[in-house]
């Protein structure tokens, strides 16, 4: 009988802001100043998961942008790795929005086969 391992890693709004700020800092070329800081965050869509964020750029007025599910998944995976949260490579990964944040869902189907107890 197959057994599926299932995990859910929840990011509240502040954890999302931290992960997005780290992402913005990582994608800025070293020769340029930091690209900005994330301000307000709102869930724009639950299926697929999308965030509407406000980015504060130095010397400019805040800009609204949408973070698509694929990019957000990469941001959250990067944040997990930065915090030494182990993620199985073979796990099926999906995002789910909840009131107040986003969860990274991990499922490892058929990872363990139950054996009869002798």
PDB file of N, CA and C in Angstrom:
ATOM      1  N   UNK A   1       0.845  -1.170   0.000  1.00  0.00           N
ATOM      2  CA  UNK A   1       0.000   0.000   0.000  1.00  0.00           C
ATOM      3  C   UNK A   1       0.896   1.242   0.000  1.00  0.00           C
ATOM      4  N   UNK A   2       0.768   2.120  -1.005  1.00  0.00           N
ATOM      5  CA  UNK A   2       1.612   3.314  -1.068  1.00  0.00           C
ATOM      6  C   UNK A   2       1.203   4.360  -0.036  1.00  0.00           C
ATOM      7  N   UNK A   3       2.168   5.121   0.386  1.00  0.00           N
ATOM      8  CA  UNK A   3       1.955   6.196   1.352  1.00  0.00           C
ATOM      9  C   UNK A   3       2.497   7.478   0.727  1.00  0.00           C
ATOM     10  N   UNK A   4       1.764   8.571   0.905  1.00  0.00           N
ATOM     11  CA  UNK A   4       2.194   9.859   0.376  1.00  0.00           C
ATOM     12  C   UNK A   4       2.598  10.771   1.520  1.00  0.00           C
ATOM     13  N   UNK A   5       3.779  11.363   1.389  1.00  0.00           N
ATOM     14  CA  UNK A   5       4.218  12.372   2.355  1.00  0.00           C
ATOM     15  C   UNK A   5       3.713  13.723   1.875  1.00  0.00           C
ATOM     16  N   UNK A   6       3.198  14.522   2.792  1.00  0.00           N
ATOM     17  CA  UNK A   6       2.616  15.814   2.442  1.00  0.00           C
ATOM     18  C   UNK A   6       3.085  16.845   3.458  1.00  0.00           C
ATOM     19  N   UNK A   7       3.574  17.999   2.974  1.00  0.00           N
ATOM     20  CA  UNK A   7       3.994  19.088   3.853  1.00  0.00           C
ATOM     21  C   UNK A   7       3.417  20.393   3.352  1.00  0.00           C
ATOM     22  N   UNK A   8       3.225  21.313   4.283  1.00  0.00           N
ATOM     23  CA  UNK A   8       2.739  22.650   3.962  1.00  0.00           C
ATOM     24  C   UNK A   8       3.603  23.646   4.719  1.00  0.00           C
ATOM     25  N   UNK A   9       4.224  24.543   3.982  1.00  0.00           N
ATOM     26  CA  UNK A   9       5.057  25.581   4.588  1.00  0.00           C
ATOM     27  C   UNK A   9       4.337  26.904   4.349  1.00  0.00           C
ATOM     28  N   UNK A  10       3.910  27.547   5.448  1.00  0.00           N
ATOM     29  CA  UNK A  10       3.105  28.761   5.348  1.00  0.00           C
ATOM     30  C   UNK A  10       3.967  30.021   5.480  1.00  0.00           C
ATOM     31  N   UNK A  11       3.686  30.973   4.609  1.00  0.00           N
ATOM     32  CA  UNK A  11       4.332  32.286   4.629  1.00  0.00           C
ATOM     33  C   UNK A  11       3.249  33.327   4.877  1.00  0.00           C
ATOM     34  N   UNK A  12       3.318  34.013   6.030  1.00  0.00           N
ATOM     35  CA  UNK A  12       2.372  35.097   6.249  1.00  0.00           C
ATOM     36  C   UNK A  12       2.856  36.316   5.454  1.00  0.00           C
ATOM     37  N   UNK A  13       2.118  37.415   5.525  1.00  0.00           N
ATOM     38  CA  UNK A  13       2.451  38.591   4.713  1.00  0.00           C
ATOM     39  C   UNK A  13       3.858  39.099   5.009  1.00  0.00           C
ATOM     40  N   UNK A  14       4.254  39.123   6.270  1.00  0.00           N
ATOM     41  CA  UNK A  14       5.601  39.611   6.612  1.00  0.00           C
ATOM     42  C   UNK A  14       6.677  38.676   6.066  1.00  0.00           C
ATOM     43  N   UNK A  15       6.456  37.365   6.130  1.00  0.00           N
ATOM     44  CA  UNK A  15       7.416  36.407   5.571  1.00  0.00           C
ATOM     45  C   UNK A  15       7.474  36.534   4.047  1.00  0.00           C
ATOM     46  N   UNK A  16       6.336  36.787   3.413  1.00  0.00           N
ATOM     47  CA  UNK A  16       6.329  37.020   1.965  1.00  0.00           C
ATOM     48  C   UNK A  16       7.133  38.273   1.625  1.00  0.00           C
ATOM     49  N   UNK A  17       6.950  39.340   2.407  1.00  0.00           N
ATOM     50  CA  UNK A  17       7.684  40.589   2.174  1.00  0.00           C
ATOM     51  C   UNK A  17       9.192  40.344   2.292  1.00  0.00           C
ATOM     52  N   UNK A  18       9.592  39.606   3.310  1.00  0.00           N
ATOM     53  CA  UNK A  18      11.007  39.288   3.515  1.00  0.00           C
ATOM     54  C   UNK A  18      11.563  38.498   2.326  1.00  0.00           C
ATOM     55  N   UNK A  19      10.820  37.487   1.874  1.00  0.00           N
ATOM     56  CA  UNK A  19      11.260  36.657   0.742  1.00  0.00           C
ATOM     57  C   UNK A  19      11.342  37.476  -0.544  1.00  0.00           C
ATOM     58  N   UNK A  20      10.354  38.339  -0.776  1.00  0.00           N
ATOM     59  CA  UNK A  20      10.361  39.163  -1.985  1.00  0.00           C
ATOM     60  C   UNK A  20      11.485  40.195  -1.956  1.00  0.00           C
ATOM     61  N   UNK A  21      11.760  40.793  -0.787  1.00  0.00           N
ATOM     62  CA  UNK A  21      12.880  41.731  -0.679  1.00  0.00           C
ATOM     63  C   UNK A  21      14.211  41.035  -0.942  1.00  0.00           C
ATOM     64  N   UNK A  22      14.368  39.822  -0.417  1.00  0.00           N
ATOM     65  CA  UNK A  22      15.598  39.061  -0.668  1.00  0.00           C
ATOM     66  C   UNK A  22      15.729  38.748  -2.155  1.00  0.00           C
ATOM     67  N   UNK A  23      14.614  38.438  -2.796  1.00  0.00           N
ATOM     68  CA  UNK A  23      14.623  38.153  -4.236  1.00  0.00           C
ATOM     69  C   UNK A  23      15.029  39.396  -5.034  1.00  0.00           C
ATOM     70  N   UNK A  24      14.438  40.548  -4.681  1.00  0.00           N
ATOM     71  CA  UNK A  24      14.792  41.791  -5.377  1.00  0.00           C
ATOM     72  C   UNK A  24      16.275  42.105  -5.227  1.00  0.00           C
ATOM     73  N   UNK A  25      16.818  41.884  -4.033  1.00  0.00           N
ATOM     74  CA  UNK A  25      18.249  42.133  -3.809  1.00  0.00           C
ATOM     75  C   UNK A  25      19.104  41.156  -4.610  1.00  0.00           C
ATOM     76  N   UNK A  26      18.657  39.916  -4.738  1.00  0.00           N
ATOM     77  CA  UNK A  26      19.439  38.893  -5.449  1.00  0.00           C
ATOM     78  C   UNK A  26      19.450  39.107  -6.958  1.00  0.00           C
ATOM     79  N   UNK A  27      18.360  39.658  -7.513  1.00  0.00           N
ATOM     80  CA  UNK A  27      18.304  39.826  -8.968  1.00  0.00           C
ATOM     81  C   UNK A  27      18.877  41.164  -9.432  1.00  0.00           C
ATOM     82  N   UNK A  28      19.204  42.064  -8.500  1.00  0.00           N
ATOM     83  CA  UNK A  28      19.825  43.336  -8.880  1.00  0.00           C
ATOM     84  C   UNK A  28      21.287  43.099  -9.217  1.00  0.00           C
ATOM     85  N   UNK A  29      21.736  43.594 -10.376  1.00  0.00           N
ATOM     86  CA  UNK A  29      23.163  43.463 -10.693  1.00  0.00           C
ATOM     87  C   UNK A  29      24.001  44.181  -9.640  1.00  0.00           C
ATOM     88  N   UNK A  30      25.165  43.628  -9.283  1.00  0.00           N
ATOM     89  CA  UNK A  30      25.996  44.242  -8.249  1.00  0.00           C
ATOM     90  C   UNK A  30      26.443  45.671  -8.591  1.00  0.00           C
ATOM     91  N   UNK A  31      26.502  45.997  -9.872  1.00  0.00           N
ATOM     92  CA  UNK A  31      26.958  47.334 -10.272  1.00  0.00           C
ATOM     93  C   UNK A  31      25.877  48.398 -10.081  1.00  0.00           C
ATOM     94  N   UNK A  32      24.629  47.981  -9.826  1.00  0.00           N
ATOM     95  CA  UNK A  32      23.536  48.935  -9.641  1.00  0.00           C
ATOM     96  C   UNK A  32      23.110  48.989  -8.178  1.00  0.00           C
ATOM     97  N   UNK A  33      22.510  50.100  -7.761  1.00  0.00           N
ATOM     98  CA  UNK A  33      21.981  50.153  -6.390  1.00  0.00           C
ATOM     99  C   UNK A  33      20.835  49.162  -6.236  1.00  0.00           C
ATOM    100  N   UNK A  34      20.476  48.832  -4.996  1.00  0.00           N
ATOM    101  CA  UNK A  34      19.356  47.902  -4.784  1.00  0.00           C
ATOM    102  C   UNK A  34      18.104  48.365  -5.517  1.00  0.00           C
ATOM    103  N   UNK A  35      17.342  47.407  -6.033  1.00  0.00           N
ATOM    104  CA  UNK A  35      16.216  47.734  -6.900  1.00  0.00           C
ATOM    105  C   UNK A  35      14.999  48.278  -6.162  1.00  0.00           C
ATOM    106  N   UNK A  36      14.884  48.061  -4.890  1.00  0.00           N
ATOM    107  CA  UNK A  36      13.740  48.592  -4.175  1.00  0.00           C
ATOM    108  C   UNK A  36      13.315  47.716  -3.024  1.00  0.00           C
ATOM    109  N   UNK A  37      12.279  48.163  -2.338  1.00  0.00           N
ATOM    110  CA  UNK A  37      11.728  47.435  -1.198  1.00  0.00           C
ATOM    111  C   UNK A  37      10.242  47.211  -1.431  1.00  0.00           C
ATOM    112  N   UNK A  38       9.755  46.071  -0.981  1.00  0.00           N
ATOM    113  CA  UNK A  38       8.350  45.727  -1.129  1.00  0.00           C
ATOM    114  C   UNK A  38       7.558  46.391  -0.009  1.00  0.00           C
ATOM    115  N   UNK A  39       6.473  47.042  -0.389  1.00  0.00           N
ATOM    116  CA  UNK A  39       5.569  47.661   0.573  1.00  0.00           C
ATOM    117  C   UNK A  39       4.341  46.788   0.773  1.00  0.00           C
ATOM    118  N   UNK A  40       3.192  47.298   0.343  1.00  0.00           N
ATOM    119  CA  UNK A  40       1.929  46.560   0.508  1.00  0.00           C
ATOM    120  C   UNK A  40       1.910  45.300  -0.346  1.00  0.00           C
ATOM    121  N   UNK A  41       1.293  44.247   0.204  1.00  0.00           N
ATOM    122  CA  UNK A  41       1.117  42.977  -0.498  1.00  0.00           C
ATOM    123  C   UNK A  41      -0.344  42.569  -0.361  1.00  0.00           C
ATOM    124  N   UNK A  42      -0.936  42.159  -1.476  1.00  0.00           N
ATOM    125  CA  UNK A  42      -2.314  41.664  -1.462  1.00  0.00           C
ATOM    126  C   UNK A  42      -2.408  40.457  -2.389  1.00  0.00           C
ATOM    127  N   UNK A  43      -3.288  39.543  -2.051  1.00  0.00           N
ATOM    128  CA  UNK A  43      -3.513  38.392  -2.917  1.00  0.00           C
ATOM    129  C   UNK A  43      -4.420  38.854  -4.046  1.00  0.00           C
ATOM    130  N   UNK A  44      -3.892  38.829  -5.281  1.00  0.00           N
ATOM    131  CA  UNK A  44      -4.648  39.278  -6.446  1.00  0.00           C
ATOM    132  C   UNK A  44      -5.531  38.165  -6.984  1.00  0.00           C
ATOM    133  N   UNK A  45      -5.062  36.925  -6.856  1.00  0.00           N
ATOM    134  CA  UNK A  45      -5.819  35.774  -7.348  1.00  0.00           C
ATOM    135  C   UNK A  45      -5.449  34.560  -6.504  1.00  0.00           C
ATOM    136  N   UNK A  46      -6.434  33.718  -6.233  1.00  0.00           N
ATOM    137  CA  UNK A  46      -6.192  32.499  -5.458  1.00  0.00           C
ATOM    138  C   UNK A  46      -5.899  31.304  -6.362  1.00  0.00           C
ATOM    139  N   UNK A  47      -6.423  31.303  -7.582  1.00  0.00           N
ATOM    140  CA  UNK A  47      -6.199  30.186  -8.503  1.00  0.00           C
ATOM    141  C   UNK A  47      -6.081  30.709  -9.912  1.00  0.00           C
ATOM    142  N   UNK A  48      -4.925  30.809 -10.507  1.00  0.00           N
ATOM    143  CA  UNK A  48      -3.620  30.539  -9.899  1.00  0.00           C
ATOM    144  C   UNK A  48      -3.263  31.639  -8.894  1.00  0.00           C
ATOM    145  N   UNK A  49      -2.361  31.310  -7.991  1.00  0.00           N
ATOM    146  CA  UNK A  49      -1.958  32.270  -6.963  1.00  0.00           C
ATOM    147  C   UNK A  49      -1.164  33.399  -7.619  1.00  0.00           C
ATOM    148  N   UNK A  50      -1.599  34.625  -7.352  1.00  0.00           N
ATOM    149  CA  UNK A  50      -0.898  35.819  -7.806  1.00  0.00           C
ATOM    150  C   UNK A  50      -0.922  36.842  -6.676  1.00  0.00           C
ATOM    151  N   UNK A  51       0.177  37.556  -6.542  1.00  0.00           N
ATOM    152  CA  UNK A  51       0.254  38.629  -5.558  1.00  0.00           C
ATOM    153  C   UNK A  51       0.320  39.962  -6.270  1.00  0.00           C
ATOM    154  N   UNK A  52      -0.336  40.961  -5.708  1.00  0.00           N
ATOM    155  CA  UNK A  52      -0.176  42.341  -6.163  1.00  0.00           C
ATOM    156  C   UNK A  52       0.693  43.017  -5.119  1.00  0.00           C
ATOM    157  N   UNK A  53       1.856  43.503  -5.546  1.00  0.00           N
ATOM    158  CA  UNK A  53       2.780  44.114  -4.592  1.00  0.00           C
ATOM    159  C   UNK A  53       3.075  45.552  -5.004  1.00  0.00           C
ATOM    160  N   UNK A  54       3.455  46.320  -4.008  1.00  0.00           N
ATOM    161  CA  UNK A  54       3.885  47.692  -4.229  1.00  0.00           C
ATOM    162  C   UNK A  54       5.391  47.720  -3.988  1.00  0.00           C
ATOM    163  N   UNK A  55       6.129  48.195  -4.983  1.00  0.00           N
ATOM    164  CA  UNK A  55       7.590  48.265  -4.877  1.00  0.00           C
ATOM    165  C   UNK A  55       7.993  49.722  -4.759  1.00  0.00           C
ATOM    166  N   UNK A  56       8.746  50.017  -3.703  1.00  0.00           N
ATOM    167  CA  UNK A  56       9.259  51.371  -3.474  1.00  0.00           C
ATOM    168  C   UNK A  56      10.671  51.441  -4.045  1.00  0.00           C
ATOM    169  N   UNK A  57      10.828  52.233  -5.093  1.00  0.00           N
ATOM    170  CA  UNK A  57      12.121  52.409  -5.743  1.00  0.00           C
ATOM    171  C   UNK A  57      12.761  53.701  -5.258  1.00  0.00           C
ATOM    172  N   UNK A  58      14.085  53.695  -5.085  1.00  0.00           N
ATOM    173  CA  UNK A  58      14.752  54.925  -4.644  1.00  0.00           C
ATOM    174  C   UNK A  58      14.538  56.059  -5.658  1.00  0.00           C
ATOM    175  N   UNK A  59      14.104  57.205  -5.167  1.00  0.00           N
ATOM    176  CA  UNK A  59      13.941  58.378  -6.021  1.00  0.00           C
ATOM    177  C   UNK A  59      12.754  58.338  -6.962  1.00  0.00           C
ATOM    178  N   UNK A  60      11.827  57.402  -6.763  1.00  0.00           N
ATOM    179  CA  UNK A  60      10.654  57.309  -7.638  1.00  0.00           C
ATOM    180  C   UNK A  60       9.427  57.008  -6.792  1.00  0.00           C
ATOM    181  N   UNK A  61       8.267  57.218  -7.379  1.00  0.00           N
ATOM    182  CA  UNK A  61       7.050  56.897  -6.631  1.00  0.00           C
ATOM    183  C   UNK A  61       6.818  55.387  -6.657  1.00  0.00           C
ATOM    184  N   UNK A  62       6.123  54.851  -5.662  1.00  0.00           N
ATOM    185  CA  UNK A  62       5.882  53.405  -5.596  1.00  0.00           C
ATOM    186  C   UNK A  62       5.189  52.887  -6.853  1.00  0.00           C
ATOM    187  N   UNK A  63       5.543  51.661  -7.217  1.00  0.00           N
ATOM    188  CA  UNK A  63       5.002  51.041  -8.424  1.00  0.00           C
ATOM    189  C   UNK A  63       4.264  49.756  -8.052  1.00  0.00           C
ATOM    190  N   UNK A  64       3.094  49.557  -8.628  1.00  0.00           N
ATOM    191  CA  UNK A  64       2.325  48.324  -8.411  1.00  0.00           C
ATOM    192  C   UNK A  64       2.724  47.299  -9.481  1.00  0.00           C
ATOM    193  N   UNK A  65       2.866  46.058  -9.070  1.00  0.00           N
ATOM    194  CA  UNK A  65       3.150  44.987 -10.019  1.00  0.00           C
ATOM    195  C   UNK A  65       2.516  43.694  -9.517  1.00  0.00           C
ATOM    196  N   UNK A  66       2.358  42.740 -10.417  1.00  0.00           N
ATOM    197  CA  UNK A  66       1.787  41.441 -10.075  1.00  0.00           C
ATOM    198  C   UNK A  66       2.894  40.395 -10.153  1.00  0.00           C
ATOM    199  N   UNK A  67       2.966  39.568  -9.128  1.00  0.00           N
ATOM    200  CA  UNK A  67       3.918  38.449  -9.111  1.00  0.00           C
ATOM    201  C   UNK A  67       3.125  37.193  -9.449  1.00  0.00           C
ATOM    202  N   UNK A  68       3.492  36.568 -10.562  1.00  0.00           N
ATOM    203  CA  UNK A  68       2.797  35.372 -11.038  1.00  0.00           C
ATOM    204  C   UNK A  68       3.196  34.151 -10.208  1.00  0.00           C
ATOM    205  N   UNK A  69       2.379  33.123 -10.275  1.00  0.00           N
ATOM    206  CA  UNK A  69       2.560  31.920  -9.463  1.00  0.00           C
ATOM    207  C   UNK A  69       3.934  31.269  -9.649  1.00  0.00           C
ATOM    208  N   UNK A  70       4.396  31.144 -10.876  1.00  0.00           N
ATOM    209  CA  UNK A  70       5.682  30.492 -11.129  1.00  0.00           C
ATOM    210  C   UNK A  70       6.833  31.251 -10.478  1.00  0.00           C
ATOM    211  N   UNK A  71       6.840  32.575 -10.643  1.00  0.00           N
ATOM    212  CA  UNK A  71       7.900  33.379 -10.031  1.00  0.00           C
ATOM    213  C   UNK A  71       7.793  33.351  -8.514  1.00  0.00           C
ATOM    214  N   UNK A  72       6.576  33.404  -7.995  1.00  0.00           N
ATOM    215  CA  UNK A  72       6.390  33.362  -6.546  1.00  0.00           C
ATOM    216  C   UNK A  72       6.869  32.034  -5.973  1.00  0.00           C
ATOM    217  N   UNK A  73       6.606  30.942  -6.670  1.00  0.00           N
ATOM    218  CA  UNK A  73       7.087  29.629  -6.216  1.00  0.00           C
ATOM    219  C   UNK A  73       8.611  29.625  -6.134  1.00  0.00           C
ATOM    220  N   UNK A  74       9.279  30.188  -7.139  1.00  0.00           N
ATOM    221  CA  UNK A  74      10.743  30.259  -7.127  1.00  0.00           C
ATOM    222  C   UNK A  74      11.239  31.106  -5.954  1.00  0.00           C
ATOM    223  N   UNK A  75      10.555  32.212  -5.681  1.00  0.00           N
ATOM    224  CA  UNK A  75      10.923  33.085  -4.553  1.00  0.00           C
ATOM    225  C   UNK A  75      10.796  32.329  -3.234  1.00  0.00           C
ATOM    226  N   UNK A  76       9.701  31.591  -3.054  1.00  0.00           N
ATOM    227  CA  UNK A  76       9.487  30.867  -1.797  1.00  0.00           C
ATOM    228  C   UNK A  76      10.445  29.695  -1.640  1.00  0.00           C
ATOM    229  N   UNK A  77      10.753  29.021  -2.725  1.00  0.00           N
ATOM    230  CA  UNK A  77      11.742  27.935  -2.666  1.00  0.00           C
ATOM    231  C   UNK A  77      13.104  28.494  -2.298  1.00  0.00           C
ATOM    232  N   UNK A  78      13.473  29.622  -2.898  1.00  0.00           N
ATOM    233  CA  UNK A  78      14.756  30.260  -2.574  1.00  0.00           C
ATOM    234  C   UNK A  78      14.808  30.649  -1.091  1.00  0.00           C
ATOM    235  N   UNK A  79      13.690  31.170  -0.583  1.00  0.00           N
ATOM    236  CA  UNK A  79      13.637  31.575   0.832  1.00  0.00           C
ATOM    237  C   UNK A  79      13.777  30.352   1.748  1.00  0.00           C
ATOM    238  N   UNK A  80      13.147  29.247   1.383  1.00  0.00           N
ATOM    239  CA  UNK A  80      13.287  28.019   2.177  1.00  0.00           C
ATOM    240  C   UNK A  80      14.742  27.573   2.215  1.00  0.00           C
ATOM    241  N   UNK A  81      15.397  27.591   1.069  1.00  0.00           N
ATOM    242  CA  UNK A  81      16.807  27.180   1.020  1.00  0.00           C
ATOM    243  C   UNK A  81      17.681  28.124   1.839  1.00  0.00           C
ATOM    244  N   UNK A  82      17.392  29.425   1.793  1.00  0.00           N
ATOM    245  CA  UNK A  82      18.158  30.400   2.572  1.00  0.00           C
ATOM    246  C   UNK A  82      17.991  30.181   4.065  1.00  0.00           C
ATOM    247  N   UNK A  83      16.830  29.658   4.472  1.00  0.00           N
ATOM    248  CA  UNK A  83      16.556  29.399   5.888  1.00  0.00           C
ATOM    249  C   UNK A  83      16.862  27.950   6.284  1.00  0.00           C
ATOM    250  N   UNK A  84      17.521  27.218   5.398  1.00  0.00           N
ATOM    251  CA  UNK A  84      17.903  25.814   5.632  1.00  0.00           C
ATOM    252  C   UNK A  84      16.693  24.909   5.867  1.00  0.00           C
ATOM    253  N   UNK A  85      15.599  25.212   5.190  1.00  0.00           N
ATOM    254  CA  UNK A  85      14.431  24.334   5.214  1.00  0.00           C
ATOM    255  C   UNK A  85      14.591  23.374   4.052  1.00  0.00           C
ATOM    256  N   UNK A  86      14.743  22.112   4.347  1.00  0.00           N
ATOM    257  CA  UNK A  86      15.000  21.119   3.305  1.00  0.00           C
ATOM    258  C   UNK A  86      13.735  20.849   2.500  1.00  0.00           C
ATOM    259  N   UNK A  87      13.913  20.850   1.167  1.00  0.00           N
ATOM    260  CA  UNK A  87      12.815  20.576   0.253  1.00  0.00           C
ATOM    261  C   UNK A  87      13.220  19.412  -0.655  1.00  0.00           C
ATOM    262  N   UNK A  88      12.442  18.347  -0.673  1.00  0.00           N
ATOM    263  CA  UNK A  88      12.772  17.234  -1.557  1.00  0.00           C
ATOM    264  C   UNK A  88      12.668  17.646  -3.027  1.00  0.00           C
ATOM    265  N   UNK A  89      13.683  17.336  -3.811  1.00  0.00           N
ATOM    266  CA  UNK A  89      13.680  17.703  -5.229  1.00  0.00           C
ATOM    267  C   UNK A  89      12.526  17.075  -5.986  1.00  0.00           C
ATOM    268  N   UNK A  90      12.207  15.836  -5.648  1.00  0.00           N
ATOM    269  CA  UNK A  90      11.182  15.100  -6.390  1.00  0.00           C
ATOM    270  C   UNK A  90       9.759  15.433  -5.956  1.00  0.00           C
ATOM    271  N   UNK A  91       9.628  16.268  -4.950  1.00  0.00           N
ATOM    272  CA  UNK A  91       8.282  16.599  -4.456  1.00  0.00           C
ATOM    273  C   UNK A  91       7.509  17.391  -5.503  1.00  0.00           C
ATOM    274  N   UNK A  92       6.219  17.122  -5.575  1.00  0.00           N
ATOM    275  CA  UNK A  92       5.329  17.940  -6.383  1.00  0.00           C
ATOM    276  C   UNK A  92       5.076  19.210  -5.584  1.00  0.00           C
ATOM    277  N   UNK A  93       5.295  20.372  -6.215  1.00  0.00           N
ATOM    278  CA  UNK A  93       5.184  21.645  -5.507  1.00  0.00           C
ATOM    279  C   UNK A  93       4.019  22.446  -6.070  1.00  0.00           C
ATOM    280  N   UNK A  94       3.254  23.052  -5.170  1.00  0.00           N
ATOM    281  CA  UNK A  94       2.090  23.849  -5.549  1.00  0.00           C
ATOM    282  C   UNK A  94       1.914  24.955  -4.517  1.00  0.00           C
ATOM    283  N   UNK A  95       1.333  26.056  -4.947  1.00  0.00           N
ATOM    284  CA  UNK A  95       1.026  27.158  -4.027  1.00  0.00           C
ATOM    285  C   UNK A  95      -0.466  27.179  -3.736  1.00  0.00           C
ATOM    286  N   UNK A  96      -0.798  27.608  -2.518  1.00  0.00           N
ATOM    287  CA  UNK A  96      -2.197  27.781  -2.125  1.00  0.00           C
ATOM    288  C   UNK A  96      -2.288  29.056  -1.299  1.00  0.00           C
ATOM    289  N   UNK A  97      -3.178  29.931  -1.693  1.00  0.00           N
ATOM    290  CA  UNK A  97      -3.403  31.161  -0.932  1.00  0.00           C
ATOM    291  C   UNK A  97      -4.342  30.866   0.231  1.00  0.00           C
ATOM    292  N   UNK A  98      -4.081  31.496   1.355  1.00  0.00           N
ATOM    293  CA  UNK A  98      -4.979  31.423   2.503  1.00  0.00           C
ATOM    294  C   UNK A  98      -5.125  32.841   3.039  1.00  0.00           C
ATOM    295  N   UNK A  99      -6.096  33.065   3.898  1.00  0.00           N
ATOM    296  CA  UNK A  99      -6.287  34.401   4.448  1.00  0.00           C
ATOM    297  C   UNK A  99      -5.035  34.801   5.223  1.00  0.00           C
ATOM    298  N   UNK A 100      -4.339  35.802   4.720  1.00  0.00           N
ATOM    299  CA  UNK A 100      -3.153  36.296   5.404  1.00  0.00           C
ATOM    300  C   UNK A 100      -1.838  35.756   4.881  1.00  0.00           C
ATOM    301  N   UNK A 101      -1.840  35.040   3.742  1.00  0.00           N
ATOM    302  CA  UNK A 101      -0.567  34.561   3.220  1.00  0.00           C
ATOM    303  C   UNK A 101      -0.693  33.519   2.128  1.00  0.00           C
ATOM    304  N   UNK A 102       0.436  32.846   1.890  1.00  0.00           N
ATOM    305  CA  UNK A 102       0.535  31.821   0.850  1.00  0.00           C
ATOM    306  C   UNK A 102       1.275  30.626   1.428  1.00  0.00           C
ATOM    307  N   UNK A 103       0.803  29.427   1.080  1.00  0.00           N
ATOM    308  CA  UNK A 103       1.454  28.200   1.528  1.00  0.00           C
ATOM    309  C   UNK A 103       2.125  27.514   0.342  1.00  0.00           C
ATOM    310  N   UNK A 104       3.311  26.985   0.578  1.00  0.00           N
ATOM    311  CA  UNK A 104       4.016  26.146  -0.384  1.00  0.00           C
ATOM    312  C   UNK A 104       3.693  24.708  -0.001  1.00  0.00           C
ATOM    313  N   UNK A 105       3.003  23.991  -0.898  1.00  0.00           N
ATOM    314  CA  UNK A 105       2.603  22.615  -0.635  1.00  0.00           C
ATOM    315  C   UNK A 105       3.578  21.667  -1.306  1.00  0.00           C
ATOM    316  N   UNK A 106       3.986  20.631  -0.577  1.00  0.00           N
ATOM    317  CA  UNK A 106       4.912  19.627  -1.095  1.00  0.00           C
ATOM    318  C   UNK A 106       4.290  18.253  -0.922  1.00  0.00           C
ATOM    319  N   UNK A 107       4.320  17.448  -1.966  1.00  0.00           N
ATOM    320  CA  UNK A 107       3.789  16.089  -1.876  1.00  0.00           C
ATOM    321  C   UNK A 107       4.766  15.127  -2.531  1.00  0.00           C
ATOM    322  N   UNK A 108       5.075  14.070  -1.822  1.00  0.00           N
ATOM    323  CA  UNK A 108       5.921  12.994  -2.352  1.00  0.00           C
ATOM    324  C   UNK A 108       5.066  11.740  -2.446  1.00  0.00           C
ATOM    325  N   UNK A 109       4.457  11.516  -3.608  1.00  0.00           N
ATOM    326  CA  UNK A 109       3.595  10.343  -3.729  1.00  0.00           C
ATOM    327  C   UNK A 109       4.406   9.055  -3.818  1.00  0.00           C
ATOM    328  N   UNK A 110       3.839   7.999  -3.266  1.00  0.00           N
ATOM    329  CA  UNK A 110       4.432   6.666  -3.355  1.00  0.00           C
ATOM    330  C   UNK A 110       5.881   6.631  -2.870  1.00  0.00           C
ATOM    331  N   UNK A 111       6.195   7.388  -1.828  1.00  0.00           N
ATOM    332  CA  UNK A 111       7.576   7.430  -1.357  1.00  0.00           C
ATOM    333  C   UNK A 111       7.915   6.247  -0.477  1.00  0.00           C
ATOM    334  N   UNK A 112       6.934   5.709   0.210  1.00  0.00           N
ATOM    335  CA  UNK A 112       7.186   4.606   1.129  1.00  0.00           C
ATOM    336  C   UNK A 112       6.178   3.507   0.820  1.00  0.00           C
ATOM    337  N   UNK A 113       6.662   2.318   0.740  1.00  0.00           N
ATOM    338  CA  UNK A 113       5.763   1.197   0.525  1.00  0.00           C
ATOM    339  C   UNK A 113       5.644   0.458   1.830  1.00  0.00           C
ATOM    340  N   UNK A 114       4.437   0.363   2.345  1.00  0.00           N
ATOM    341  CA  UNK A 114       4.217  -0.327   3.618  1.00  0.00           C
ATOM    342  C   UNK A 114       4.541  -1.800   3.454  1.00  0.00           C
ATOM    343  N   UNK A 115       5.239  -2.340   4.423  1.00  0.00           N
ATOM    344  CA  UNK A 115       5.587  -3.761   4.424  1.00  0.00           C
ATOM    345  C   UNK A 115       4.886  -4.446   5.591  1.00  0.00           C
ATOM    346  N   UNK A 116       4.481  -5.671   5.392  1.00  0.00           N
ATOM    347  CA  UNK A 116       3.842  -6.380   6.500  1.00  0.00           C
ATOM    348  C   UNK A 116       4.794  -6.547   7.664  1.00  0.00           C
ATOM    349  N   UNK A 117       4.257  -6.434   8.866  1.00  0.00           N
ATOM    350  CA  UNK A 117       5.053  -6.649  10.074  1.00  0.00           C
ATOM    351  C   UNK A 117       5.166  -8.134  10.304  1.00  0.00           C
ATOM    352  N   UNK A 118       6.380  -8.595  10.435  1.00  0.00           N
ATOM    353  CA  UNK A 118       6.584 -10.047  10.576  1.00  0.00           C
ATOM    354  C   UNK A 118       6.322 -10.533  11.975  1.00  0.00           C
TER     355      UNK A 118
END
